[in-house]
Amino acid sequence: MTSSLLRQLSGYGLTTAQILYHLPDHPKLLQTYVWQDYDLAPEFPELNRFLDFWKREIEGPLHSVKVAHHKIISAAEVRLASAEFALN
């Protein structure tokens, strides 16, 4: 199984964040950055790790962050196959 599928099966969903930040050379202007990854709601550890990196390493101060999250796979949607057929 791929890493993203394993993460989805363990509760992670697709998270998208719209990040508005001030341009370093023109602080009155805002720029948009879109971040997307699999993350665990409502704690959002991956997003918080990225925002900590941003505050530490990027010169543009954050203005606001909007977050959308959707679980792609839930427990009710996963079923084991009861039979397997081979066609020759």
PDB file of N, CA and C in Angstrom:
ATOM      1  N   MET A   1       0.841  -1.191   0.000  1.00  0.00           N
ATOM      2  CA  MET A   1       0.000   0.000   0.000  1.00  0.00           C
ATOM      3  C   MET A   1       0.878   1.244   0.000  1.00  0.00           C
ATOM      4  N   THR A   2       0.383   2.259  -0.622  1.00  0.00           N
ATOM      5  CA  THR A   2       1.148   3.498  -0.665  1.00  0.00           C
ATOM      6  C   THR A   2       1.009   4.244   0.658  1.00  0.00           C
ATOM      7  N   SER A   3       1.928   5.140   0.890  1.00  0.00           N
ATOM      8  CA  SER A   3       1.943   5.921   2.127  1.00  0.00           C
ATOM      9  C   SER A   3       0.687   6.774   2.277  1.00  0.00           C
ATOM     10  N   SER A   4       0.219   7.401   1.193  1.00  0.00           N
ATOM     11  CA  SER A   4      -0.969   8.255   1.292  1.00  0.00           C
ATOM     12  C   SER A   4      -2.209   7.427   1.610  1.00  0.00           C
ATOM     13  N   LEU A   5      -2.326   6.222   1.053  1.00  0.00           N
ATOM     14  CA  LEU A   5      -3.468   5.366   1.360  1.00  0.00           C
ATOM     15  C   LEU A   5      -3.445   4.936   2.823  1.00  0.00           C
ATOM     16  N   LEU A   6      -2.274   4.573   3.325  1.00  0.00           N
ATOM     17  CA  LEU A   6      -2.165   4.205   4.738  1.00  0.00           C
ATOM     18  C   LEU A   6      -2.559   5.360   5.645  1.00  0.00           C
ATOM     19  N   ARG A   7      -2.157   6.557   5.286  1.00  0.00           N
ATOM     20  CA  ARG A   7      -2.521   7.726   6.091  1.00  0.00           C
ATOM     21  C   ARG A   7      -4.023   7.961   6.056  1.00  0.00           C
ATOM     22  N   GLN A   8      -4.638   7.802   4.890  1.00  0.00           N
ATOM     23  CA  GLN A   8      -6.082   7.990   4.773  1.00  0.00           C
ATOM     24  C   GLN A   8      -6.836   6.955   5.595  1.00  0.00           C
ATOM     25  N   LEU A   9      -6.365   5.708   5.589  1.00  0.00           N
ATOM     26  CA  LEU A   9      -7.016   4.669   6.369  1.00  0.00           C
ATOM     27  C   LEU A   9      -6.867   4.895   7.867  1.00  0.00           C
ATOM     28  N   SER A  10      -5.834   5.627   8.278  1.00  0.00           N
ATOM     29  CA  SER A  10      -5.659   5.905   9.702  1.00  0.00           C
ATOM     30  C   SER A  10      -6.256   7.250  10.119  1.00  0.00           C
ATOM     31  N   GLY A  11      -7.140   7.822   9.288  1.00  0.00           N
ATOM     32  CA  GLY A  11      -7.892   8.997   9.704  1.00  0.00           C
ATOM     33  C   GLY A  11      -7.494  10.309   9.066  1.00  0.00           C
ATOM     34  N   TYR A  12      -6.425  10.327   8.300  1.00  0.00           N
ATOM     35  CA  TYR A  12      -5.999  11.565   7.669  1.00  0.00           C
ATOM     36  C   TYR A  12      -6.911  11.904   6.505  1.00  0.00           C
ATOM     37  N   GLY A  13      -7.113  13.184   6.264  1.00  0.00           N
ATOM     38  CA  GLY A  13      -7.907  13.656   5.141  1.00  0.00           C
ATOM     39  C   GLY A  13      -7.140  14.721   4.386  1.00  0.00           C
ATOM     40  N   LEU A  14      -7.644  15.076   3.224  1.00  0.00           N
ATOM     41  CA  LEU A  14      -6.990  16.091   2.414  1.00  0.00           C
ATOM     42  C   LEU A  14      -7.280  17.471   2.998  1.00  0.00           C
ATOM     43  N   THR A  15      -6.229  18.198   3.306  1.00  0.00           N
ATOM     44  CA  THR A  15      -6.347  19.533   3.899  1.00  0.00           C
ATOM     45  C   THR A  15      -5.768  20.550   2.937  1.00  0.00           C
ATOM     46  N   THR A  16      -6.521  21.613   2.712  1.00  0.00           N
ATOM     47  CA  THR A  16      -6.071  22.713   1.868  1.00  0.00           C
ATOM     48  C   THR A  16      -6.109  23.985   2.702  1.00  0.00           C
ATOM     49  N   ALA A  17      -5.023  24.742   2.667  1.00  0.00           N
ATOM     50  CA  ALA A  17      -4.953  25.999   3.410  1.00  0.00           C
ATOM     51  C   ALA A  17      -4.633  27.136   2.450  1.00  0.00           C
ATOM     52  N   GLN A  18      -5.442  28.188   2.532  1.00  0.00           N
ATOM     53  CA  GLN A  18      -5.166  29.408   1.782  1.00  0.00           C
ATOM     54  C   GLN A  18      -4.470  30.349   2.753  1.00  0.00           C
ATOM     55  N   ILE A  19      -3.220  30.657   2.465  1.00  0.00           N
ATOM     56  CA  ILE A  19      -2.397  31.471   3.358  1.00  0.00           C
ATOM     57  C   ILE A  19      -2.218  32.848   2.731  1.00  0.00           C
ATOM     58  N   LEU A  20      -2.653  33.869   3.444  1.00  0.00           N
ATOM     59  CA  LEU A  20      -2.412  35.249   3.021  1.00  0.00           C
ATOM     60  C   LEU A  20      -1.252  35.779   3.853  1.00  0.00           C
ATOM     61  N   TYR A  21      -0.296  36.400   3.170  1.00  0.00           N
ATOM     62  CA  TYR A  21       0.864  36.942   3.878  1.00  0.00           C
ATOM     63  C   TYR A  21       1.249  38.290   3.282  1.00  0.00           C
ATOM     64  N   HIS A  22       1.926  39.094   4.106  1.00  0.00           N
ATOM     65  CA  HIS A  22       2.393  40.411   3.683  1.00  0.00           C
ATOM     66  C   HIS A  22       3.688  40.256   2.896  1.00  0.00           C
ATOM     67  N   LEU A  23       3.781  40.971   1.786  1.00  0.00           N
ATOM     68  CA  LEU A  23       5.029  40.954   1.024  1.00  0.00           C
ATOM     69  C   LEU A  23       6.115  41.671   1.822  1.00  0.00           C
ATOM     70  N   PRO A  24       7.303  41.092   1.921  1.00  0.00           N
ATOM     71  CA  PRO A  24       8.364  41.706   2.734  1.00  0.00           C
ATOM     72  C   PRO A  24       8.740  43.121   2.287  1.00  0.00           C
ATOM     73  N   ASP A  25       8.808  43.362   0.969  1.00  0.00           N
ATOM     74  CA  ASP A  25       9.211  44.680   0.463  1.00  0.00           C
ATOM     75  C   ASP A  25       8.066  45.687   0.429  1.00  0.00           C
ATOM     76  N   HIS A  26       6.836  45.191   0.430  1.00  0.00           N
ATOM     77  CA  HIS A  26       5.647  46.043   0.382  1.00  0.00           C
ATOM     78  C   HIS A  26       4.628  45.522   1.400  1.00  0.00           C
ATOM     79  N   PRO A  27       4.797  45.832   2.674  1.00  0.00           N
ATOM     80  CA  PRO A  27       3.990  45.229   3.732  1.00  0.00           C
ATOM     81  C   PRO A  27       2.489  45.501   3.640  1.00  0.00           C
ATOM     82  N   LYS A  28       2.070  46.494   2.870  1.00  0.00           N
ATOM     83  CA  LYS A  28       0.632  46.762   2.742  1.00  0.00           C
ATOM     84  C   LYS A  28      -0.025  45.865   1.696  1.00  0.00           C
ATOM     85  N   LEU A  29       0.787  45.147   0.900  1.00  0.00           N
ATOM     86  CA  LEU A  29       0.255  44.241  -0.118  1.00  0.00           C
ATOM     87  C   LEU A  29       0.226  42.814   0.421  1.00  0.00           C
ATOM     88  N   LEU A  30      -0.839  42.087   0.051  1.00  0.00           N
ATOM     89  CA  LEU A  30      -0.972  40.695   0.457  1.00  0.00           C
ATOM     90  C   LEU A  30      -0.775  39.777  -0.739  1.00  0.00           C
ATOM     91  N   GLN A  31      -0.173  38.642  -0.482  1.00  0.00           N
ATOM     92  CA  GLN A  31       0.044  37.608  -1.490  1.00  0.00           C
ATOM     93  C   GLN A  31      -0.629  36.338  -0.981  1.00  0.00           C
ATOM     94  N   THR A  32      -1.084  35.484  -1.893  1.00  0.00           N
ATOM     95  CA  THR A  32      -1.728  34.225  -1.525  1.00  0.00           C
ATOM     96  C   THR A  32      -0.807  33.054  -1.818  1.00  0.00           C
ATOM     97  N   TYR A  33      -0.790  32.093  -0.898  1.00  0.00           N
ATOM     98  CA  TYR A  33      -0.079  30.840  -1.090  1.00  0.00           C
ATOM     99  C   TYR A  33      -1.056  29.725  -0.732  1.00  0.00           C
ATOM    100  N   VAL A  34      -1.153  28.699  -1.570  1.00  0.00           N
ATOM    101  CA  VAL A  34      -2.045  27.577  -1.295  1.00  0.00           C
ATOM    102  C   VAL A  34      -1.200  26.365  -0.928  1.00  0.00           C
ATOM    103  N   TRP A  35      -1.493  25.792   0.237  1.00  0.00           N
ATOM    104  CA  TRP A  35      -0.790  24.613   0.758  1.00  0.00           C
ATOM    105  C   TRP A  35      -1.773  23.456   0.797  1.00  0.00           C
ATOM    106  N   GLN A  36      -1.316  22.250   0.403  1.00  0.00           N
ATOM    107  CA  GLN A  36      -2.203  21.096   0.435  1.00  0.00           C
ATOM    108  C   GLN A  36      -1.412  19.855   0.809  1.00  0.00           C
ATOM    109  N   ASP A  37      -1.978  19.070   1.737  1.00  0.00           N
ATOM    110  CA  ASP A  37      -1.342  17.830   2.176  1.00  0.00           C
ATOM    111  C   ASP A  37      -2.375  17.009   2.935  1.00  0.00           C
ATOM    112  N   TYR A  38      -2.047  15.768   3.234  1.00  0.00           N
ATOM    113  CA  TYR A  38      -2.908  14.959   4.099  1.00  0.00           C
ATOM    114  C   TYR A  38      -2.626  15.348   5.532  1.00  0.00           C
ATOM    115  N   ASP A  39      -3.685  15.578   6.302  1.00  0.00           N
ATOM    116  CA  ASP A  39      -3.524  16.025   7.677  1.00  0.00           C
ATOM    117  C   ASP A  39      -4.647  15.465   8.534  1.00  0.00           C
ATOM    118  N   LEU A  40      -4.479  15.536   9.825  1.00  0.00           N
ATOM    119  CA  LEU A  40      -5.404  14.968  10.797  1.00  0.00           C
ATOM    120  C   LEU A  40      -6.162  16.082  11.494  1.00  0.00           C
ATOM    121  N   ALA A  41      -7.468  16.181  11.205  1.00  0.00           N
ATOM    122  CA  ALA A  41      -8.299  17.219  11.835  1.00  0.00           C
ATOM    123  C   ALA A  41      -8.723  16.748  13.225  1.00  0.00           C
ATOM    124  N   PRO A  42      -8.934  17.590  14.185  1.00  0.00           N
ATOM    125  CA  PRO A  42      -8.867  19.048  14.146  1.00  0.00           C
ATOM    126  C   PRO A  42      -7.521  19.610  14.601  1.00  0.00           C
ATOM    127  N   GLU A  43      -6.554  18.749  14.905  1.00  0.00           N
ATOM    128  CA  GLU A  43      -5.264  19.243  15.399  1.00  0.00           C
ATOM    129  C   GLU A  43      -4.392  19.816  14.281  1.00  0.00           C
ATOM    130  N   PHE A  44      -4.478  19.248  13.091  1.00  0.00           N
ATOM    131  CA  PHE A  44      -3.699  19.663  11.918  1.00  0.00           C
ATOM    132  C   PHE A  44      -2.199  19.750  12.216  1.00  0.00           C
ATOM    133  N   PRO A  45      -1.572  18.630  12.603  1.00  0.00           N
ATOM    134  CA  PRO A  45      -0.140  18.674  12.933  1.00  0.00           C
ATOM    135  C   PRO A  45       0.748  19.034  11.748  1.00  0.00           C
ATOM    136  N   GLU A  46       0.405  18.561  10.537  1.00  0.00           N
ATOM    137  CA  GLU A  46       1.232  18.875   9.358  1.00  0.00           C
ATOM    138  C   GLU A  46       1.150  20.355   9.015  1.00  0.00           C
ATOM    139  N   LEU A  47      -0.049  20.910   9.043  1.00  0.00           N
ATOM    140  CA  LEU A  47      -0.226  22.335   8.750  1.00  0.00           C
ATOM    141  C   LEU A  47       0.479  23.190   9.797  1.00  0.00           C
ATOM    142  N   ASN A  48       0.346  22.835  11.059  1.00  0.00           N
ATOM    143  CA  ASN A  48       1.026  23.598  12.116  1.00  0.00           C
ATOM    144  C   ASN A  48       2.541  23.513  11.979  1.00  0.00           C
ATOM    145  N   ARG A  49       3.049  22.353  11.568  1.00  0.00           N
ATOM    146  CA  ARG A  49       4.497  22.206  11.343  1.00  0.00           C
ATOM    147  C   ARG A  49       4.934  23.128  10.199  1.00  0.00           C
ATOM    148  N   PHE A  50       4.127  23.193   9.135  1.00  0.00           N
ATOM    149  CA  PHE A  50       4.449  24.070   8.012  1.00  0.00           C
ATOM    150  C   PHE A  50       4.384  25.542   8.425  1.00  0.00           C
ATOM    151  N   LEU A  51       3.353  25.931   9.177  1.00  0.00           N
ATOM    152  CA  LEU A  51       3.226  27.329   9.610  1.00  0.00           C
ATOM    153  C   LEU A  51       4.358  27.722  10.558  1.00  0.00           C
ATOM    154  N   ASP A  52       4.809  26.792  11.414  1.00  0.00           N
ATOM    155  CA  ASP A  52       5.969  27.068  12.269  1.00  0.00           C
ATOM    156  C   ASP A  52       7.213  27.304  11.416  1.00  0.00           C
ATOM    157  N   PHE A  53       7.386  26.474  10.370  1.00  0.00           N
ATOM    158  CA  PHE A  53       8.501  26.660   9.445  1.00  0.00           C
ATOM    159  C   PHE A  53       8.404  28.031   8.775  1.00  0.00           C
ATOM    160  N   TRP A  54       7.188  28.395   8.346  1.00  0.00           N
ATOM    161  CA  TRP A  54       6.975  29.684   7.679  1.00  0.00           C
ATOM    162  C   TRP A  54       7.396  30.829   8.596  1.00  0.00           C
ATOM    163  N   LYS A  55       6.921  30.820   9.812  1.00  0.00           N
ATOM    164  CA  LYS A  55       7.241  31.908  10.757  1.00  0.00           C
ATOM    165  C   LYS A  55       8.731  31.991  11.039  1.00  0.00           C
ATOM    166  N   ARG A  56       9.397  30.842  11.027  1.00  0.00           N
ATOM    167  CA  ARG A  56      10.820  30.786  11.351  1.00  0.00           C
ATOM    168  C   ARG A  56      11.710  31.149  10.155  1.00  0.00           C
ATOM    169  N   GLU A  57      11.311  30.744   8.932  1.00  0.00           N
ATOM    170  CA  GLU A  57      12.215  30.829   7.781  1.00  0.00           C
ATOM    171  C   GLU A  57      11.813  31.826   6.693  1.00  0.00           C
ATOM    172  N   ILE A  58      10.537  32.170   6.584  1.00  0.00           N
ATOM    173  CA  ILE A  58      10.059  33.011   5.487  1.00  0.00           C
ATOM    174  C   ILE A  58       9.906  34.445   5.983  1.00  0.00           C
ATOM    175  N   GLU A  59      10.303  35.395   5.152  1.00  0.00           N
ATOM    176  CA  GLU A  59      10.286  36.804   5.562  1.00  0.00           C
ATOM    177  C   GLU A  59       8.900  37.424   5.568  1.00  0.00           C
ATOM    178  N   GLY A  60       7.961  36.908   4.778  1.00  0.00           N
ATOM    179  CA  GLY A  60       6.628  37.502   4.691  1.00  0.00           C
ATOM    180  C   GLY A  60       5.772  37.127   5.892  1.00  0.00           C
ATOM    181  N   PRO A  61       5.421  38.098   6.755  1.00  0.00           N
ATOM    182  CA  PRO A  61       4.600  37.776   7.928  1.00  0.00           C
ATOM    183  C   PRO A  61       3.192  37.331   7.525  1.00  0.00           C
ATOM    184  N   LEU A  62       2.661  36.359   8.270  1.00  0.00           N
ATOM    185  CA  LEU A  62       1.335  35.835   7.988  1.00  0.00           C
ATOM    186  C   LEU A  62       0.249  36.853   8.304  1.00  0.00           C
ATOM    187  N   HIS A  63      -0.760  36.903   7.457  1.00  0.00           N
ATOM    188  CA  HIS A  63      -1.939  37.734   7.697  1.00  0.00           C
ATOM    189  C   HIS A  63      -3.095  36.862   8.180  1.00  0.00           C
ATOM    190  N   SER A  64      -3.404  35.800   7.422  1.00  0.00           N
ATOM    191  CA  SER A  64      -4.496  34.911   7.801  1.00  0.00           C
ATOM    192  C   SER A  64      -4.337  33.564   7.110  1.00  0.00           C
ATOM    193  N   VAL A  65      -5.013  32.550   7.677  1.00  0.00           N
ATOM    194  CA  VAL A  65      -4.994  31.205   7.113  1.00  0.00           C
ATOM    195  C   VAL A  65      -6.421  30.670   7.134  1.00  0.00           C
ATOM    196  N   LYS A  66      -6.931  30.250   5.968  1.00  0.00           N
ATOM    197  CA  LYS A  66      -8.236  29.602   5.866  1.00  0.00           C
ATOM    198  C   LYS A  66      -7.995  28.134   5.562  1.00  0.00           C
ATOM    199  N   VAL A  67      -8.705  27.259   6.270  1.00  0.00           N
ATOM    200  CA  VAL A  67      -8.461  25.819   6.151  1.00  0.00           C
ATOM    201  C   VAL A  67      -9.733  25.105   5.705  1.00  0.00           C
ATOM    202  N   ALA A  68      -9.583  24.193   4.748  1.00  0.00           N
ATOM    203  CA  ALA A  68     -10.654  23.285   4.331  1.00  0.00           C
ATOM    204  C   ALA A  68     -10.120  21.863   4.484  1.00  0.00           C
ATOM    205  N   HIS A  69     -10.962  20.969   4.992  1.00  0.00           N
ATOM    206  CA  HIS A  69     -10.522  19.598   5.250  1.00  0.00           C
ATOM    207  C   HIS A  69     -11.628  18.630   4.839  1.00  0.00           C
ATOM    208  N   HIS A  70     -11.236  17.538   4.204  1.00  0.00           N
ATOM    209  CA  HIS A  70     -12.204  16.525   3.800  1.00  0.00           C
ATOM    210  C   HIS A  70     -11.578  15.141   3.939  1.00  0.00           C
ATOM    211  N   LYS A  71     -12.240  14.273   4.712  1.00  0.00           N
ATOM    212  CA  LYS A  71     -11.774  12.892   4.805  1.00  0.00           C
ATOM    213  C   LYS A  71     -12.173  12.174   3.525  1.00  0.00           C
ATOM    214  N   ILE A  72     -11.206  11.645   2.832  1.00  0.00           N
ATOM    215  CA  ILE A  72     -11.470  10.994   1.555  1.00  0.00           C
ATOM    216  C   ILE A  72     -12.006   9.580   1.781  1.00  0.00           C
ATOM    217  N   ILE A  73     -11.438   8.873   2.737  1.00  0.00           N
ATOM    218  CA  ILE A  73     -11.866   7.514   3.051  1.00  0.00           C
ATOM    219  C   ILE A  73     -12.301   7.480   4.512  1.00  0.00           C
ATOM    220  N   SER A  74     -13.477   6.940   4.748  1.00  0.00           N
ATOM    221  CA  SER A  74     -13.917   6.751   6.132  1.00  0.00           C
ATOM    222  C   SER A  74     -14.090   5.260   6.378  1.00  0.00           C
ATOM    223  N   ALA A  75     -14.234   4.876   7.620  1.00  0.00           N
ATOM    224  CA  ALA A  75     -14.324   3.462   7.974  1.00  0.00           C
ATOM    225  C   ALA A  75     -15.516   2.784   7.308  1.00  0.00           C
ATOM    226  N   ALA A  76     -16.622   3.487   7.132  1.00  0.00           N
ATOM    227  CA  ALA A  76     -17.818   2.897   6.523  1.00  0.00           C
ATOM    228  C   ALA A  76     -17.621   2.604   5.041  1.00  0.00           C
ATOM    229  N   GLU A  77     -16.647   3.210   4.406  1.00  0.00           N
ATOM    230  CA  GLU A  77     -16.431   3.021   2.976  1.00  0.00           C
ATOM    231  C   GLU A  77     -15.425   1.927   2.660  1.00  0.00           C
ATOM    232  N   VAL A  78     -14.813   1.345   3.665  1.00  0.00           N
ATOM    233  CA  VAL A  78     -13.808   0.318   3.448  1.00  0.00           C
ATOM    234  C   VAL A  78     -14.439  -1.034   3.759  1.00  0.00           C
ATOM    235  N   ARG A  79     -14.434  -1.920   2.755  1.00  0.00           N
ATOM    236  CA  ARG A  79     -14.965  -3.267   2.936  1.00  0.00           C
ATOM    237  C   ARG A  79     -13.978  -4.270   2.379  1.00  0.00           C
ATOM    238  N   LEU A  80     -13.901  -5.419   2.997  1.00  0.00           N
ATOM    239  CA  LEU A  80     -13.052  -6.487   2.483  1.00  0.00           C
ATOM    240  C   LEU A  80     -13.816  -7.224   1.395  1.00  0.00           C
ATOM    241  N   ALA A  81     -13.095  -7.662   0.388  1.00  0.00           N
ATOM    242  CA  ALA A  81     -13.727  -8.422  -0.682  1.00  0.00           C
ATOM    243  C   ALA A  81     -14.085  -9.803  -0.158  1.00  0.00           C
ATOM    244  N   SER A  82     -15.299 -10.271  -0.486  1.00  0.00           N
ATOM    245  CA  SER A  82     -15.724 -11.581  -0.022  1.00  0.00           C
ATOM    246  C   SER A  82     -15.364 -12.688  -1.020  1.00  0.00           C
ATOM    247  N   ALA A  83     -15.014 -12.311  -2.243  1.00  0.00           N
ATOM    248  CA  ALA A  83     -14.648 -13.311  -3.248  1.00  0.00           C
ATOM    249  C   ALA A  83     -13.683 -12.696  -4.254  1.00  0.00           C
ATOM    250  N   GLU A  84     -12.957 -13.568  -4.908  1.00  0.00           N
ATOM    251  CA  GLU A  84     -12.030 -13.125  -5.964  1.00  0.00           C
ATOM    252  C   GLU A  84     -12.221 -14.042  -7.155  1.00  0.00           C
ATOM    253  N   PHE A  85     -12.379 -13.477  -8.330  1.00  0.00           N
ATOM    254  CA  PHE A  85     -12.599 -14.255  -9.542  1.00  0.00           C
ATOM    255  C   PHE A  85     -11.472 -13.975 -10.518  1.00  0.00           C
ATOM    256  N   ALA A  86     -11.006 -15.012 -11.186  1.00  0.00           N
ATOM    257  CA  ALA A  86      -9.966 -14.861 -12.204  1.00  0.00           C
ATOM    258  C   ALA A  86     -10.557 -15.203 -13.566  1.00  0.00           C
ATOM    259  N   LEU A  87     -10.391 -14.320 -14.529  1.00  0.00           N
ATOM    260  CA  LEU A  87     -10.846 -14.560 -15.891  1.00  0.00           C
ATOM    261  C   LEU A  87      -9.651 -14.846 -16.770  1.00  0.00           C
ATOM    262  N   ASN A  88      -9.755 -15.935 -17.518  1.00  0.00           N
ATOM    263  CA  ASN A  88      -8.648 -16.302 -18.416  1.00  0.00           C
ATOM    264  C   ASN A  88      -8.991 -16.013 -19.839  1.00  0.00           C
TER     265      ASN A  88
END
